[in-house]
Amino acid sequence: MNADVEGHYKGEGNLADKIAAGLEESGKSLDDLKTTDLATIDEFHIRGRKATLELGAQLNLGINSRLLDLGSGLGGPARTLAETYGCDVDGIDLTAEFCNAANVMSSWLGLTGKVYCQQGDATDLPFPDDHFDAAMTIHVAMNIPSKDKLYSEARRTLKPVGRFAAYDVIQGDGGDVHFPVPWAREPAISHLATDDEMQSLLTQAGFRILHIQDSSEESLEWFEDRMKQLTDSGQPPVSFNAFLGHDYPVMVRNQVRNLAEGRIRTIAYVCEG
């Protein structure tokens, strides 16, 4: 299963080199980058950087905080929050190519000492108990069948009363998901939970749920805007198709349909350990 998930996200060739080439094509210099210059590629969750900042505002982060990012991808949310709050971030992701590219991209932005991503399994973390001040996971649980292990590991490595935020795609009441979607080309690697299941999983892991935000309507508007951009301007030089491939526009259309038909929802859960 892990190999199938990694294969879904892993593109061909060196991902950092592809991103660098796309940046050069768009007129950006690697010597003068801002985190916002990378947002079209490294914040590849629904509603992007805006959603990251909303989540970060719930985590009680500060300059002395250590944050765990479970399923850190290309490190976009980690860099955004490290830059915003001055915190240190440890990221872990199943896809080694993502981790390699994430660390290269952090070096472009001068954040090597603040953000570090390593390959690993979010259900079996290489960190000690009570290690992090806060933890988050963004659009990760959809690929993980053993969510109980994911959340129990997050709780184990979090300090007492530390904040944990999970922002994910949730199974809606409208029926089965239309594939392909950005997290899965076929149902075999898609493991959506319902809202009730998520609340139960988090509570059983030892968390106290403080706040639940359903952003499904905003997510639908966000995807409709992306479809319009694809139609009007085509794919930007630096975008998700660097690793999701030529069928990314089909995935976007299916996401709009899934959201509009209530087959999926986007919900953020903010918890305390």
C-alpha atoms as a PDB file:
ATOM      1  CA  MET A   1       0.000   0.000   0.000  1.00  0.00           C
ATOM      2  CA  ASN A   2       2.765   2.463   0.908  1.00  0.00           C
ATOM      3  CA  ALA A   3       4.514   1.795  -2.414  1.00  0.00           C
ATOM      4  CA  ASP A   4       1.251   2.441  -4.299  1.00  0.00           C
ATOM      5  CA  VAL A   5       0.744   5.765  -2.520  1.00  0.00           C
ATOM      6  CA  GLU A   6       4.348   6.848  -3.100  1.00  0.00           C
ATOM      7  CA  GLY A   7       4.034   5.855  -6.762  1.00  0.00           C
ATOM      8  CA  HIS A   8       0.925   8.015  -7.159  1.00  0.00           C
ATOM      9  CA  TYR A   9       2.766  11.161  -6.064  1.00  0.00           C
ATOM     10  CA  LYS A  10       6.210  10.455  -7.485  1.00  0.00           C
ATOM     11  CA  GLY A  11       6.759  11.971 -10.908  1.00  0.00           C
ATOM     12  CA  GLU A  12       9.549  11.250 -13.356  1.00  0.00           C
ATOM     13  CA  GLY A  13      12.967  12.849 -12.987  1.00  0.00           C
ATOM     14  CA  ASN A  14      14.340  15.127 -10.293  1.00  0.00           C
ATOM     15  CA  LEU A  15      11.455  17.143  -8.888  1.00  0.00           C
ATOM     16  CA  ALA A  16      13.594  19.988  -7.509  1.00  0.00           C
ATOM     17  CA  ASP A  17      15.206  20.413 -10.934  1.00  0.00           C
ATOM     18  CA  LYS A  18      11.765  20.530 -12.587  1.00  0.00           C
ATOM     19  CA  ILE A  19      10.600  23.187 -10.161  1.00  0.00           C
ATOM     20  CA  ALA A  20      13.774  25.232 -10.642  1.00  0.00           C
ATOM     21  CA  ALA A  21      13.296  25.081 -14.420  1.00  0.00           C
ATOM     22  CA  GLY A  22       9.676  26.199 -14.079  1.00  0.00           C
ATOM     23  CA  LEU A  23      10.689  29.113 -11.880  1.00  0.00           C
ATOM     24  CA  GLU A  24      13.293  30.226 -14.397  1.00  0.00           C
ATOM     25  CA  GLU A  25      10.711  29.949 -17.177  1.00  0.00           C
ATOM     26  CA  SER A  26       8.399  32.243 -15.210  1.00  0.00           C
ATOM     27  CA  GLY A  27      11.203  34.781 -14.711  1.00  0.00           C
ATOM     28  CA  LYS A  28      11.945  33.998 -11.056  1.00  0.00           C
ATOM     29  CA  SER A  29      15.514  33.882  -9.760  1.00  0.00           C
ATOM     30  CA  LEU A  30      16.427  31.244  -7.173  1.00  0.00           C
ATOM     31  CA  ASP A  31      18.532  33.908  -5.462  1.00  0.00           C
ATOM     32  CA  ASP A  32      15.541  36.166  -4.791  1.00  0.00           C
ATOM     33  CA  LEU A  33      12.594  33.904  -3.991  1.00  0.00           C
ATOM     34  CA  LYS A  34       9.734  34.427  -1.551  1.00  0.00           C
ATOM     35  CA  THR A  35       7.599  31.673  -0.064  1.00  0.00           C
ATOM     36  CA  THR A  36       4.640  33.030  -2.044  1.00  0.00           C
ATOM     37  CA  ASP A  37       6.540  32.396  -5.299  1.00  0.00           C
ATOM     38  CA  LEU A  38       6.292  28.664  -4.620  1.00  0.00           C
ATOM     39  CA  ALA A  39       2.665  28.543  -3.485  1.00  0.00           C
ATOM     40  CA  THR A  40       1.354  27.199  -6.807  1.00  0.00           C
ATOM     41  CA  ILE A  41       3.446  24.052  -6.324  1.00  0.00           C
ATOM     42  CA  ASP A  42       4.248  23.551  -2.635  1.00  0.00           C
ATOM     43  CA  GLU A  43       0.849  24.364  -1.074  1.00  0.00           C
ATOM     44  CA  PHE A  44      -0.939  21.611  -2.963  1.00  0.00           C
ATOM     45  CA  HIS A  45      -3.936  21.252  -0.665  1.00  0.00           C
ATOM     46  CA  ILE A  46      -7.372  22.729  -1.205  1.00  0.00           C
ATOM     47  CA  ARG A  47      -7.422  26.528  -0.696  1.00  0.00           C
ATOM     48  CA  GLY A  48      -3.627  26.537  -0.533  1.00  0.00           C
ATOM     49  CA  ARG A  49      -1.747  29.130   1.496  1.00  0.00           C
ATOM     50  CA  LYS A  50      -4.937  30.718   2.885  1.00  0.00           C
ATOM     51  CA  ALA A  51      -5.912  27.419   4.499  1.00  0.00           C
ATOM     52  CA  THR A  52      -2.381  26.989   5.883  1.00  0.00           C
ATOM     53  CA  LEU A  53      -2.496  30.373   7.605  1.00  0.00           C
ATOM     54  CA  GLU A  54      -5.967  29.666   9.021  1.00  0.00           C
ATOM     55  CA  LEU A  55      -4.684  26.413  10.493  1.00  0.00           C
ATOM     56  CA  GLY A  56      -1.493  27.973  11.821  1.00  0.00           C
ATOM     57  CA  ALA A  57      -3.476  30.628  13.668  1.00  0.00           C
ATOM     58  CA  GLN A  58      -5.067  27.843  15.758  1.00  0.00           C
ATOM     59  CA  LEU A  59      -1.801  26.195  16.873  1.00  0.00           C
ATOM     60  CA  ASN A  60      -0.455  28.683  19.454  1.00  0.00           C
ATOM     61  CA  LEU A  61       2.875  28.910  17.624  1.00  0.00           C
ATOM     62  CA  GLY A  62       5.750  31.177  18.611  1.00  0.00           C
ATOM     63  CA  ILE A  63       9.450  31.667  18.035  1.00  0.00           C
ATOM     64  CA  ASN A  64      10.375  28.891  20.493  1.00  0.00           C
ATOM     65  CA  SER A  65       7.787  26.393  19.225  1.00  0.00           C
ATOM     66  CA  ARG A  66       8.628  23.084  17.580  1.00  0.00           C
ATOM     67  CA  LEU A  67       5.986  21.991  15.071  1.00  0.00           C
ATOM     68  CA  LEU A  68       5.485  18.537  13.550  1.00  0.00           C
ATOM     69  CA  ASP A  69       4.073  18.387  10.012  1.00  0.00           C
ATOM     70  CA  LEU A  70       2.743  14.894   9.277  1.00  0.00           C
ATOM     71  CA  GLY A  71       2.704  14.302   5.531  1.00  0.00           C
ATOM     72  CA  SER A  72       4.775  17.388   4.810  1.00  0.00           C
ATOM     73  CA  GLY A  73       4.886  17.028   1.015  1.00  0.00           C
ATOM     74  CA  LEU A  74       7.095  19.683  -0.562  1.00  0.00           C
ATOM     75  CA  GLY A  75       7.277  21.608   2.714  1.00  0.00           C
ATOM     76  CA  GLY A  76       5.105  24.552   1.697  1.00  0.00           C
ATOM     77  CA  PRO A  77       2.925  24.773   4.828  1.00  0.00           C
ATOM     78  CA  ALA A  78       5.976  24.128   7.036  1.00  0.00           C
ATOM     79  CA  ARG A  79       7.884  27.014   5.422  1.00  0.00           C
ATOM     80  CA  THR A  80       4.870  29.323   5.538  1.00  0.00           C
ATOM     81  CA  LEU A  81       4.417  28.779   9.282  1.00  0.00           C
ATOM     82  CA  ALA A  82       8.159  28.872  10.032  1.00  0.00           C
ATOM     83  CA  GLU A  83       8.353  32.226   8.264  1.00  0.00           C
ATOM     84  CA  THR A  84       5.160  33.563   9.873  1.00  0.00           C
ATOM     85  CA  TYR A  85       5.799  32.503  13.475  1.00  0.00           C
ATOM     86  CA  GLY A  86       9.541  31.842  13.640  1.00  0.00           C
ATOM     87  CA  CYS A  87       8.937  28.255  14.775  1.00  0.00           C
ATOM     88  CA  ASP A  88      11.075  25.224  13.895  1.00  0.00           C
ATOM     89  CA  VAL A  89       9.351  22.531  11.848  1.00  0.00           C
ATOM     90  CA  ASP A  90      10.036  18.822  11.421  1.00  0.00           C
ATOM     91  CA  GLY A  91       8.272  17.320   8.427  1.00  0.00           C
ATOM     92  CA  ILE A  92       7.798  13.652   7.659  1.00  0.00           C
ATOM     93  CA  ASP A  93       6.485  12.231   4.399  1.00  0.00           C
ATOM     94  CA  LEU A  94       6.204   8.810   2.791  1.00  0.00           C
ATOM     95  CA  THR A  95       7.543  10.048  -0.567  1.00  0.00           C
ATOM     96  CA  ALA A  96      11.329  10.405  -0.460  1.00  0.00           C
ATOM     97  CA  GLU A  97      11.393  12.573  -3.599  1.00  0.00           C
ATOM     98  CA  PHE A  98       9.096  15.085  -1.884  1.00  0.00           C
ATOM     99  CA  CYS A  99      11.421  15.263   1.125  1.00  0.00           C
ATOM    100  CA  ASN A 100      14.494  15.770  -1.049  1.00  0.00           C
ATOM    101  CA  ALA A 101      12.782  18.514  -3.047  1.00  0.00           C
ATOM    102  CA  ALA A 102      11.375  20.116   0.124  1.00  0.00           C
ATOM    103  CA  ASN A 103      14.830  20.475   1.652  1.00  0.00           C
ATOM    104  CA  VAL A 104      16.255  21.927  -1.567  1.00  0.00           C
ATOM    105  CA  MET A 105      13.391  24.435  -1.752  1.00  0.00           C
ATOM    106  CA  SER A 106      13.943  25.410   1.892  1.00  0.00           C
ATOM    107  CA  SER A 107      17.580  26.132   1.046  1.00  0.00           C
ATOM    108  CA  TRP A 108      16.467  28.462  -1.764  1.00  0.00           C
ATOM    109  CA  LEU A 109      14.539  30.486   0.826  1.00  0.00           C
ATOM    110  CA  GLY A 110      17.213  30.457   3.526  1.00  0.00           C
ATOM    111  CA  LEU A 111      15.082  28.237   5.780  1.00  0.00           C
ATOM    112  CA  THR A 112      17.339  25.183   6.006  1.00  0.00           C
ATOM    113  CA  GLY A 113      17.874  25.741   9.734  1.00  0.00           C
ATOM    114  CA  LYS A 114      14.143  26.150  10.406  1.00  0.00           C
ATOM    115  CA  VAL A 115      12.493  23.433   8.316  1.00  0.00           C
ATOM    116  CA  TYR A 116      13.695  19.870   7.765  1.00  0.00           C
ATOM    117  CA  CYS A 117      11.736  17.106   6.033  1.00  0.00           C
ATOM    118  CA  GLN A 118      12.579  13.412   6.215  1.00  0.00           C
ATOM    119  CA  GLN A 119      11.160  10.274   4.650  1.00  0.00           C
ATOM    120  CA  GLY A 120       9.135   8.147   7.027  1.00  0.00           C
ATOM    121  CA  ASP A 121       5.819   6.623   8.048  1.00  0.00           C
ATOM    122  CA  ALA A 122       3.385   8.950   9.825  1.00  0.00           C
ATOM    123  CA  THR A 123       1.878   5.933  11.615  1.00  0.00           C
ATOM    124  CA  ASP A 124       5.258   4.971  13.126  1.00  0.00           C
ATOM    125  CA  LEU A 125       7.123   8.172  13.953  1.00  0.00           C
ATOM    126  CA  PRO A 126      10.864   8.347  14.725  1.00  0.00           C
ATOM    127  CA  PHE A 127      10.371  10.927  17.478  1.00  0.00           C
ATOM    128  CA  PRO A 128      10.247  10.579  21.290  1.00  0.00           C
ATOM    129  CA  ASP A 129       7.189  11.107  23.467  1.00  0.00           C
ATOM    130  CA  ASP A 130       6.136  14.659  24.411  1.00  0.00           C
ATOM    131  CA  HIS A 131       8.515  16.194  21.864  1.00  0.00           C
ATOM    132  CA  PHE A 132       6.489  18.795  19.920  1.00  0.00           C
ATOM    133  CA  ASP A 133       4.614  21.921  20.982  1.00  0.00           C
ATOM    134  CA  ALA A 134       2.154  21.528  18.108  1.00  0.00           C
ATOM    135  CA  ALA A 135       1.416  19.190  15.216  1.00  0.00           C
ATOM    136  CA  MET A 136      -0.611  19.291  12.032  1.00  0.00           C
ATOM    137  CA  THR A 137      -1.606  17.156   9.105  1.00  0.00           C
ATOM    138  CA  ILE A 138      -2.943  18.615   5.866  1.00  0.00           C
ATOM    139  CA  HIS A 139      -4.643  16.398   3.261  1.00  0.00           C
ATOM    140  CA  VAL A 140      -2.841  13.243   4.356  1.00  0.00           C
ATOM    141  CA  ALA A 141      -5.342  10.919   6.046  1.00  0.00           C
ATOM    142  CA  MET A 142      -7.141  10.277   2.728  1.00  0.00           C
ATOM    143  CA  ASN A 143      -4.282   7.898   1.811  1.00  0.00           C
ATOM    144  CA  ILE A 144      -3.965   6.240   5.236  1.00  0.00           C
ATOM    145  CA  PRO A 145      -6.250   3.315   6.151  1.00  0.00           C
ATOM    146  CA  SER A 146      -4.922   3.033   9.734  1.00  0.00           C
ATOM    147  CA  LYS A 147      -5.939   6.499  10.873  1.00  0.00           C
ATOM    148  CA  ASP A 148      -6.035   5.329  14.485  1.00  0.00           C
ATOM    149  CA  LYS A 149      -2.248   4.860  14.335  1.00  0.00           C
ATOM    150  CA  LEU A 150      -1.764   8.231  12.618  1.00  0.00           C
ATOM    151  CA  TYR A 151      -3.586  10.137  15.349  1.00  0.00           C
ATOM    152  CA  SER A 152      -2.232   8.091  18.266  1.00  0.00           C
ATOM    153  CA  GLU A 153       1.322   8.783  17.040  1.00  0.00           C
ATOM    154  CA  ALA A 154       0.538  12.480  16.749  1.00  0.00           C
ATOM    155  CA  ARG A 155      -0.770  12.427  20.323  1.00  0.00           C
ATOM    156  CA  ARG A 156       2.227  10.436  21.612  1.00  0.00           C
ATOM    157  CA  THR A 157       4.800  12.871  20.235  1.00  0.00           C
ATOM    158  CA  LEU A 158       2.872  15.985  21.304  1.00  0.00           C
ATOM    159  CA  LYS A 159       3.535  17.706  24.632  1.00  0.00           C
ATOM    160  CA  PRO A 160       0.646  17.811  27.131  1.00  0.00           C
ATOM    161  CA  VAL A 161      -2.002  20.398  26.121  1.00  0.00           C
ATOM    162  CA  GLY A 162      -0.200  20.903  22.812  1.00  0.00           C
ATOM    163  CA  ARG A 163      -2.377  21.778  19.814  1.00  0.00           C
ATOM    164  CA  PHE A 164      -3.043  19.394  16.907  1.00  0.00           C
ATOM    165  CA  ALA A 165      -4.828  20.360  13.689  1.00  0.00           C
ATOM    166  CA  ALA A 166      -6.048  17.976  10.997  1.00  0.00           C
ATOM    167  CA  TYR A 167      -7.310  19.477   7.733  1.00  0.00           C
ATOM    168  CA  ASP A 168      -8.550  16.817   5.347  1.00  0.00           C
ATOM    169  CA  VAL A 169     -10.910  15.784   2.614  1.00  0.00           C
ATOM    170  CA  ILE A 170     -13.833  13.993   4.273  1.00  0.00           C
ATOM    171  CA  GLN A 171     -16.372  11.561   2.817  1.00  0.00           C
ATOM    172  CA  GLY A 172     -19.659  13.338   2.170  1.00  0.00           C
ATOM    173  CA  ASP A 173     -23.214  12.026   1.947  1.00  0.00           C
ATOM    174  CA  GLY A 174     -23.492  12.370  -1.835  1.00  0.00           C
ATOM    175  CA  GLY A 175     -22.134   8.971  -2.863  1.00  0.00           C
ATOM    176  CA  ASP A 176     -18.878   7.511  -4.099  1.00  0.00           C
ATOM    177  CA  VAL A 177     -16.056   9.777  -5.236  1.00  0.00           C
ATOM    178  CA  HIS A 178     -15.432  10.383  -8.937  1.00  0.00           C
ATOM    179  CA  PHE A 179     -11.841   9.394  -9.818  1.00  0.00           C
ATOM    180  CA  PRO A 180      -9.129  10.389 -10.574  1.00  0.00           C
ATOM    181  CA  VAL A 181      -8.624  12.955  -7.819  1.00  0.00           C
ATOM    182  CA  PRO A 182      -5.369  14.566  -6.626  1.00  0.00           C
ATOM    183  CA  TRP A 183      -4.843  12.008  -3.836  1.00  0.00           C
ATOM    184  CA  ALA A 184      -5.773   8.888  -5.835  1.00  0.00           C
ATOM    185  CA  ARG A 185      -6.244   7.803  -9.416  1.00  0.00           C
ATOM    186  CA  GLU A 186      -8.326   4.823  -8.304  1.00  0.00           C
ATOM    187  CA  PRO A 187     -10.273   3.817  -5.171  1.00  0.00           C
ATOM    188  CA  ALA A 188      -7.614   1.349  -3.957  1.00  0.00           C
ATOM    189  CA  ILE A 189      -5.484   4.058  -2.323  1.00  0.00           C
ATOM    190  CA  SER A 190      -8.343   6.338  -1.246  1.00  0.00           C
ATOM    191  CA  HIS A 191      -9.418   5.971   2.392  1.00  0.00           C
ATOM    192  CA  LEU A 192     -11.835   8.760   3.239  1.00  0.00           C
ATOM    193  CA  ALA A 193     -13.422   8.961   6.682  1.00  0.00           C
ATOM    194  CA  THR A 194     -16.760  10.566   7.477  1.00  0.00           C
ATOM    195  CA  ASP A 195     -17.027  13.500   9.862  1.00  0.00           C
ATOM    196  CA  ASP A 196     -18.411  11.232  12.600  1.00  0.00           C
ATOM    197  CA  GLU A 197     -15.553   8.773  12.091  1.00  0.00           C
ATOM    198  CA  MET A 198     -12.977  11.554  12.272  1.00  0.00           C
ATOM    199  CA  GLN A 199     -14.349  12.896  15.521  1.00  0.00           C
ATOM    200  CA  SER A 200     -14.383   9.408  17.007  1.00  0.00           C
ATOM    201  CA  LEU A 201     -10.817   8.666  15.854  1.00  0.00           C
ATOM    202  CA  LEU A 202      -9.452  11.893  17.295  1.00  0.00           C
ATOM    203  CA  THR A 203     -11.243  11.431  20.611  1.00  0.00           C
ATOM    204  CA  GLN A 204     -10.101   7.814  20.917  1.00  0.00           C
ATOM    205  CA  ALA A 205      -6.500   8.936  20.278  1.00  0.00           C
ATOM    206  CA  GLY A 206      -6.732  11.114  23.389  1.00  0.00           C
ATOM    207  CA  PHE A 207      -7.487  14.493  21.834  1.00  0.00           C
ATOM    208  CA  ARG A 208     -10.094  16.998  22.956  1.00  0.00           C
ATOM    209  CA  ILE A 209     -11.682  18.628  19.922  1.00  0.00           C
ATOM    210  CA  LEU A 210     -11.776  22.398  20.339  1.00  0.00           C
ATOM    211  CA  HIS A 211     -13.052  23.580  16.976  1.00  0.00           C
ATOM    212  CA  ILE A 212     -14.389  22.146  13.714  1.00  0.00           C
ATOM    213  CA  GLN A 213     -14.435  24.234  10.525  1.00  0.00           C
ATOM    214  CA  ASP A 214     -16.254  23.014   7.428  1.00  0.00           C
ATOM    215  CA  SER A 215     -14.867  24.937   4.445  1.00  0.00           C
ATOM    216  CA  SER A 216     -16.570  22.920   1.697  1.00  0.00           C
ATOM    217  CA  GLU A 217     -18.303  25.904   0.082  1.00  0.00           C
ATOM    218  CA  GLU A 218     -15.073  27.918   0.023  1.00  0.00           C
ATOM    219  CA  SER A 219     -13.281  24.879  -1.407  1.00  0.00           C
ATOM    220  CA  LEU A 220     -15.765  24.588  -4.259  1.00  0.00           C
ATOM    221  CA  GLU A 221     -15.279  28.269  -5.108  1.00  0.00           C
ATOM    222  CA  TRP A 222     -11.490  27.797  -4.951  1.00  0.00           C
ATOM    223  CA  PHE A 223     -11.604  24.883  -7.397  1.00  0.00           C
ATOM    224  CA  GLU A 224     -13.971  26.704  -9.736  1.00  0.00           C
ATOM    225  CA  ASP A 225     -11.475  29.576  -9.813  1.00  0.00           C
ATOM    226  CA  ARG A 226      -8.665  27.122 -10.623  1.00  0.00           C
ATOM    227  CA  MET A 227     -10.679  25.639 -13.487  1.00  0.00           C
ATOM    228  CA  LYS A 228     -11.265  29.110 -14.884  1.00  0.00           C
ATOM    229  CA  GLN A 229      -7.533  29.878 -14.631  1.00  0.00           C
ATOM    230  CA  LEU A 230      -6.675  26.636 -16.439  1.00  0.00           C
ATOM    231  CA  THR A 231      -9.163  27.500 -19.190  1.00  0.00           C
ATOM    232  CA  ASP A 232      -8.113  31.144 -19.543  1.00  0.00           C
ATOM    233  CA  SER A 233      -4.352  30.931 -19.050  1.00  0.00           C
ATOM    234  CA  GLY A 234      -3.355  27.274 -19.165  1.00  0.00           C
ATOM    235  CA  GLN A 235      -1.152  25.550 -16.627  1.00  0.00           C
ATOM    236  CA  PRO A 236       1.352  27.866 -14.864  1.00  0.00           C
ATOM    237  CA  PRO A 237       5.053  26.973 -15.326  1.00  0.00           C
ATOM    238  CA  VAL A 238       5.329  25.817 -11.694  1.00  0.00           C
ATOM    239  CA  SER A 239       2.301  23.739 -10.716  1.00  0.00           C
ATOM    240  CA  PHE A 240       1.041  20.433  -9.382  1.00  0.00           C
ATOM    241  CA  ASN A 241       1.351  18.688 -12.754  1.00  0.00           C
ATOM    242  CA  ALA A 242       5.112  18.493 -12.058  1.00  0.00           C
ATOM    243  CA  PHE A 243       4.303  15.380 -10.030  1.00  0.00           C
ATOM    244  CA  LEU A 244       0.625  14.587 -10.684  1.00  0.00           C
ATOM    245  CA  GLY A 245       1.090  14.466 -14.448  1.00  0.00           C
ATOM    246  CA  HIS A 246      -1.007  15.270 -17.485  1.00  0.00           C
ATOM    247  CA  ASP A 247      -4.317  14.240 -15.902  1.00  0.00           C
ATOM    248  CA  TYR A 248      -4.205  16.954 -13.234  1.00  0.00           C
ATOM    249  CA  PRO A 249      -6.856  19.057 -15.098  1.00  0.00           C
ATOM    250  CA  VAL A 250      -9.175  16.005 -15.014  1.00  0.00           C
ATOM    251  CA  MET A 251      -8.547  15.718 -11.267  1.00  0.00           C
ATOM    252  CA  VAL A 252      -9.534  19.365 -10.820  1.00  0.00           C
ATOM    253  CA  ARG A 253     -12.784  18.854 -12.749  1.00  0.00           C
ATOM    254  CA  ASN A 254     -13.605  15.800 -10.651  1.00  0.00           C
ATOM    255  CA  GLN A 255     -12.915  17.706  -7.443  1.00  0.00           C
ATOM    256  CA  VAL A 256     -15.391  20.397  -8.481  1.00  0.00           C
ATOM    257  CA  ARG A 257     -17.980  17.737  -9.270  1.00  0.00           C
ATOM    258  CA  ASN A 258     -17.316  15.826  -6.031  1.00  0.00           C
ATOM    259  CA  LEU A 259     -17.690  18.971  -3.936  1.00  0.00           C
ATOM    260  CA  ALA A 260     -20.750  20.219  -5.829  1.00  0.00           C
ATOM    261  CA  GLU A 261     -22.486  16.842  -5.455  1.00  0.00           C
ATOM    262  CA  GLY A 262     -21.611  16.518  -1.770  1.00  0.00           C
ATOM    263  CA  ARG A 263     -19.443  13.462  -2.323  1.00  0.00           C
ATOM    264  CA  ILE A 264     -16.576  15.089  -0.419  1.00  0.00           C
ATOM    265  CA  ARG A 265     -16.206  17.845   2.165  1.00  0.00           C
ATOM    266  CA  THR A 266     -13.214  19.762   3.484  1.00  0.00           C
ATOM    267  CA  ILE A 267     -13.063  19.992   7.263  1.00  0.00           C
ATOM    268  CA  ALA A 268     -10.403  21.153   9.723  1.00  0.00           C
ATOM    269  CA  TYR A 269     -10.322  19.750  13.262  1.00  0.00           C
ATOM    270  CA  VAL A 270      -8.400  21.688  15.907  1.00  0.00           C
ATOM    271  CA  CYS A 271      -7.615  19.656  19.014  1.00  0.00           C
ATOM    272  CA  GLU A 272      -5.735  19.772  22.287  1.00  0.00           C
ATOM    273  CA  GLY A 273      -3.648  16.903  23.605  1.00  0.00           C
END
